[in-house]
Amino acid sequence: MNIVGEYVKSYTGSAELNLDKEQWDRFYIIEDLEGHERLWRNTELDNTDSKSLILDHSNYSNLVTYRQALRDWTDTENFPLIRPT
């Protein structure tokens, strides 16, 4: 199965594209690995966005470091095969 099939399977629970109109409106087929990984990275940044605004968050410095690694990732030799942690 190619990366698109894997992505579809992770989104729908099936490698088949039996989506209704509402699901298609929310679903974007990723045609290549780099596109898929950029989508993952952007989602991670979105998910950590509000936490990064809390200056007294217990893991603030780790969060800032992680978010910077996400932003820099696409310019490294590790992209798209090794995700930042």
N, C-alpha and C. Protein backbone atom coordinates (compact mmCIF):
# COMPACT_ATOMS: atom_id res chain seq x y z
N MET A 1 0.84 -1.17 0.00
CA MET A 1 0.00 0.00 0.00
C MET A 1 0.89 1.24 0.00
N ASN A 2 0.56 2.24 -0.80
CA ASN A 2 1.37 3.45 -0.86
C ASN A 2 1.01 4.41 0.28
N ILE A 3 1.72 5.53 0.38
CA ILE A 3 1.53 6.47 1.48
C ILE A 3 0.12 7.05 1.47
N VAL A 4 -0.47 7.26 0.30
CA VAL A 4 -1.84 7.77 0.23
C VAL A 4 -2.80 6.76 0.83
N GLY A 5 -2.62 5.48 0.48
CA GLY A 5 -3.47 4.43 1.03
C GLY A 5 -3.33 4.34 2.54
N GLU A 6 -2.11 4.48 3.05
CA GLU A 6 -1.89 4.45 4.49
C GLU A 6 -2.58 5.63 5.16
N TYR A 7 -2.48 6.81 4.54
CA TYR A 7 -3.10 8.00 5.11
C TYR A 7 -4.62 7.85 5.13
N VAL A 8 -5.17 7.36 4.03
CA VAL A 8 -6.61 7.15 3.95
C VAL A 8 -7.04 6.15 5.01
N LYS A 9 -6.25 5.09 5.18
CA LYS A 9 -6.59 4.08 6.17
C LYS A 9 -6.56 4.67 7.58
N SER A 10 -5.57 5.51 7.87
CA SER A 10 -5.50 6.10 9.20
C SER A 10 -6.65 7.07 9.44
N TYR A 11 -7.13 7.70 8.40
CA TYR A 11 -8.22 8.67 8.52
C TYR A 11 -9.58 7.99 8.59
N THR A 12 -9.79 6.98 7.79
CA THR A 12 -11.11 6.39 7.64
C THR A 12 -11.25 5.02 8.29
N GLY A 13 -10.14 4.37 8.64
CA GLY A 13 -10.18 3.01 9.15
C GLY A 13 -10.17 1.98 8.04
N SER A 14 -10.14 2.44 6.80
CA SER A 14 -10.15 1.55 5.65
C SER A 14 -9.30 2.17 4.56
N ALA A 15 -8.69 1.34 3.74
CA ALA A 15 -7.88 1.86 2.63
C ALA A 15 -8.77 2.25 1.45
N GLU A 16 -10.07 2.03 1.57
CA GLU A 16 -11.00 2.38 0.50
C GLU A 16 -11.48 3.82 0.67
N LEU A 17 -11.74 4.48 -0.42
CA LEU A 17 -12.17 5.87 -0.38
C LEU A 17 -13.69 5.99 -0.45
N ASN A 18 -14.38 5.37 0.48
CA ASN A 18 -15.83 5.45 0.53
C ASN A 18 -16.22 6.54 1.51
N LEU A 19 -16.07 7.79 1.10
CA LEU A 19 -16.35 8.92 1.96
C LEU A 19 -17.59 9.65 1.47
N ASP A 20 -18.38 10.16 2.42
CA ASP A 20 -19.52 10.97 2.01
C ASP A 20 -19.05 12.39 1.74
N LYS A 21 -19.95 13.25 1.29
CA LYS A 21 -19.56 14.61 0.90
C LYS A 21 -18.94 15.37 2.06
N GLU A 22 -19.49 15.24 3.25
CA GLU A 22 -18.95 15.95 4.40
C GLU A 22 -17.52 15.50 4.70
N GLN A 23 -17.27 14.19 4.62
CA GLN A 23 -15.92 13.68 4.85
C GLN A 23 -14.96 14.18 3.78
N TRP A 24 -15.42 14.19 2.52
CA TRP A 24 -14.56 14.69 1.44
C TRP A 24 -14.23 16.16 1.64
N ASP A 25 -15.18 16.94 2.16
CA ASP A 25 -14.93 18.35 2.39
C ASP A 25 -13.80 18.56 3.40
N ARG A 26 -13.64 17.63 4.35
CA ARG A 26 -12.60 17.74 5.36
C ARG A 26 -11.33 16.99 5.00
N PHE A 27 -11.39 16.18 3.98
CA PHE A 27 -10.30 15.25 3.68
C PHE A 27 -9.48 15.73 2.49
N TYR A 28 -8.16 15.71 2.64
CA TYR A 28 -7.26 16.09 1.55
C TYR A 28 -6.35 14.90 1.27
N ILE A 29 -6.36 14.43 0.04
CA ILE A 29 -5.47 13.33 -0.31
C ILE A 29 -4.05 13.88 -0.47
N ILE A 30 -3.15 13.27 0.23
CA ILE A 30 -1.75 13.68 0.17
C ILE A 30 -1.05 12.79 -0.86
N GLU A 31 -0.49 13.42 -1.88
CA GLU A 31 0.06 12.65 -2.99
C GLU A 31 1.50 12.21 -2.78
N ASP A 32 2.17 12.76 -1.82
CA ASP A 32 3.55 12.36 -1.61
C ASP A 32 3.91 12.41 -0.14
N LEU A 33 4.99 11.80 0.22
CA LEU A 33 5.41 11.73 1.61
C LEU A 33 5.69 13.10 2.20
N GLU A 34 6.32 13.97 1.44
CA GLU A 34 6.62 15.30 1.97
C GLU A 34 5.35 16.06 2.30
N GLY A 35 4.37 15.99 1.44
CA GLY A 35 3.09 16.65 1.70
C GLY A 35 2.43 16.10 2.95
N HIS A 36 2.47 14.80 3.11
CA HIS A 36 1.88 14.14 4.28
C HIS A 36 2.58 14.60 5.55
N GLU A 37 3.90 14.65 5.52
CA GLU A 37 4.66 15.03 6.70
C GLU A 37 4.51 16.52 7.01
N ARG A 38 4.39 17.35 5.99
CA ARG A 38 4.12 18.78 6.24
C ARG A 38 2.77 18.95 6.92
N LEU A 39 1.78 18.18 6.50
CA LEU A 39 0.47 18.23 7.13
C LEU A 39 0.57 17.81 8.60
N TRP A 40 1.31 16.74 8.88
CA TRP A 40 1.52 16.30 10.26
C TRP A 40 2.18 17.40 11.08
N ARG A 41 3.24 17.99 10.51
CA ARG A 41 3.96 19.06 11.22
C ARG A 41 3.05 20.24 11.52
N ASN A 42 2.28 20.66 10.55
CA ASN A 42 1.37 21.79 10.75
C ASN A 42 0.33 21.48 11.81
N THR A 43 -0.14 20.24 11.84
CA THR A 43 -1.10 19.84 12.86
C THR A 43 -0.47 19.87 14.24
N GLU A 44 0.77 19.40 14.35
CA GLU A 44 1.48 19.46 15.63
C GLU A 44 1.65 20.91 16.10
N LEU A 45 1.99 21.80 15.17
CA LEU A 45 2.13 23.21 15.54
C LEU A 45 0.78 23.77 15.99
N ASP A 46 -0.28 23.44 15.28
CA ASP A 46 -1.61 23.90 15.68
C ASP A 46 -1.99 23.37 17.06
N ASN A 47 -1.68 22.10 17.31
CA ASN A 47 -2.06 21.47 18.58
C ASN A 47 -1.29 22.02 19.77
N THR A 48 -0.11 22.56 19.53
CA THR A 48 0.70 23.08 20.63
C THR A 48 0.68 24.61 20.70
N ASP A 49 -0.06 25.22 19.80
CA ASP A 49 -0.08 26.68 19.71
C ASP A 49 -0.54 27.34 21.01
N SER A 50 -1.65 26.92 21.54
CA SER A 50 -2.18 27.58 22.74
C SER A 50 -1.28 27.34 23.95
N LYS A 51 -0.68 26.17 24.05
CA LYS A 51 0.22 25.88 25.18
C LYS A 51 1.46 26.75 25.14
N SER A 52 1.89 27.11 23.94
CA SER A 52 3.12 27.91 23.82
C SER A 52 2.92 29.34 24.31
N LEU A 53 1.68 29.75 24.50
CA LEU A 53 1.39 31.10 24.98
C LEU A 53 1.38 31.19 26.51
N ILE A 54 1.41 30.04 27.18
CA ILE A 54 1.39 30.01 28.63
C ILE A 54 2.84 30.01 29.12
N LEU A 55 3.31 31.16 29.52
CA LEU A 55 4.73 31.30 29.88
C LEU A 55 5.12 30.50 31.11
N ASP A 56 4.17 30.23 32.00
CA ASP A 56 4.51 29.47 33.20
C ASP A 56 4.11 27.99 33.07
N HIS A 57 3.90 27.53 31.84
CA HIS A 57 3.62 26.11 31.59
C HIS A 57 4.81 25.30 32.07
N SER A 58 4.54 24.14 32.71
CA SER A 58 5.62 23.36 33.32
C SER A 58 6.68 22.89 32.32
N ASN A 59 6.31 22.70 31.08
CA ASN A 59 7.26 22.24 30.06
C ASN A 59 7.49 23.31 28.99
N TYR A 60 7.43 24.56 29.39
CA TYR A 60 7.50 25.65 28.42
C TYR A 60 8.77 25.60 27.57
N SER A 61 9.93 25.43 28.17
CA SER A 61 11.17 25.45 27.38
C SER A 61 11.24 24.26 26.44
N ASN A 62 10.78 23.08 26.88
CA ASN A 62 10.74 21.92 25.98
C ASN A 62 9.77 22.15 24.83
N LEU A 63 8.66 22.78 25.12
CA LEU A 63 7.65 23.06 24.09
C LEU A 63 8.19 24.04 23.05
N VAL A 64 8.88 25.06 23.51
CA VAL A 64 9.47 26.03 22.58
C VAL A 64 10.51 25.35 21.69
N THR A 65 11.33 24.50 22.29
CA THR A 65 12.36 23.77 21.54
C THR A 65 11.72 22.84 20.50
N TYR A 66 10.68 22.12 20.91
CA TYR A 66 9.98 21.20 20.01
C TYR A 66 9.35 21.96 18.84
N ARG A 67 8.69 23.06 19.14
CA ARG A 67 8.05 23.84 18.07
C ARG A 67 9.09 24.40 17.10
N GLN A 68 10.24 24.81 17.59
CA GLN A 68 11.29 25.29 16.70
C GLN A 68 11.81 24.16 15.83
N ALA A 69 11.97 22.98 16.43
CA ALA A 69 12.41 21.81 15.65
C ALA A 69 11.41 21.47 14.56
N LEU A 70 10.13 21.60 14.85
CA LEU A 70 9.10 21.36 13.83
C LEU A 70 9.23 22.36 12.68
N ARG A 71 9.43 23.63 13.03
CA ARG A 71 9.54 24.65 11.98
C ARG A 71 10.80 24.46 11.13
N ASP A 72 11.90 24.02 11.77
CA ASP A 72 13.17 23.85 11.05
C ASP A 72 13.26 22.54 10.28
N TRP A 73 12.41 21.58 10.63
CA TRP A 73 12.50 20.21 10.13
C TRP A 73 12.58 20.12 8.61
N THR A 74 11.78 20.90 7.90
CA THR A 74 11.72 20.77 6.44
C THR A 74 13.03 21.18 5.77
N ASP A 75 13.90 21.87 6.50
CA ASP A 75 15.19 22.28 5.94
C ASP A 75 16.34 21.36 6.36
N THR A 76 16.01 20.26 7.04
CA THR A 76 17.06 19.34 7.49
C THR A 76 17.14 18.12 6.59
N GLU A 77 18.24 17.39 6.72
CA GLU A 77 18.39 16.15 5.94
C GLU A 77 17.46 15.05 6.44
N ASN A 78 16.92 15.20 7.63
CA ASN A 78 16.01 14.21 8.19
C ASN A 78 14.61 14.27 7.57
N PHE A 79 14.27 15.38 6.95
CA PHE A 79 12.94 15.54 6.37
C PHE A 79 12.84 14.74 5.07
N PRO A 80 11.81 13.98 4.88
CA PRO A 80 10.61 13.76 5.68
C PRO A 80 10.64 12.45 6.46
N LEU A 81 11.78 11.79 6.55
CA LEU A 81 11.81 10.43 7.10
C LEU A 81 11.86 10.34 8.63
N ILE A 82 12.48 11.31 9.29
CA ILE A 82 12.61 11.24 10.74
C ILE A 82 11.95 12.47 11.35
N ARG A 83 10.87 12.22 12.09
CA ARG A 83 10.12 13.32 12.71
C ARG A 83 10.84 13.85 13.95
N PRO A 84 10.72 15.16 14.19
CA PRO A 84 11.28 15.72 15.42
C PRO A 84 10.55 15.17 16.65
N THR A 85 11.26 15.08 17.74
CA THR A 85 10.64 14.63 19.00
C THR A 85 10.83 15.66 20.08
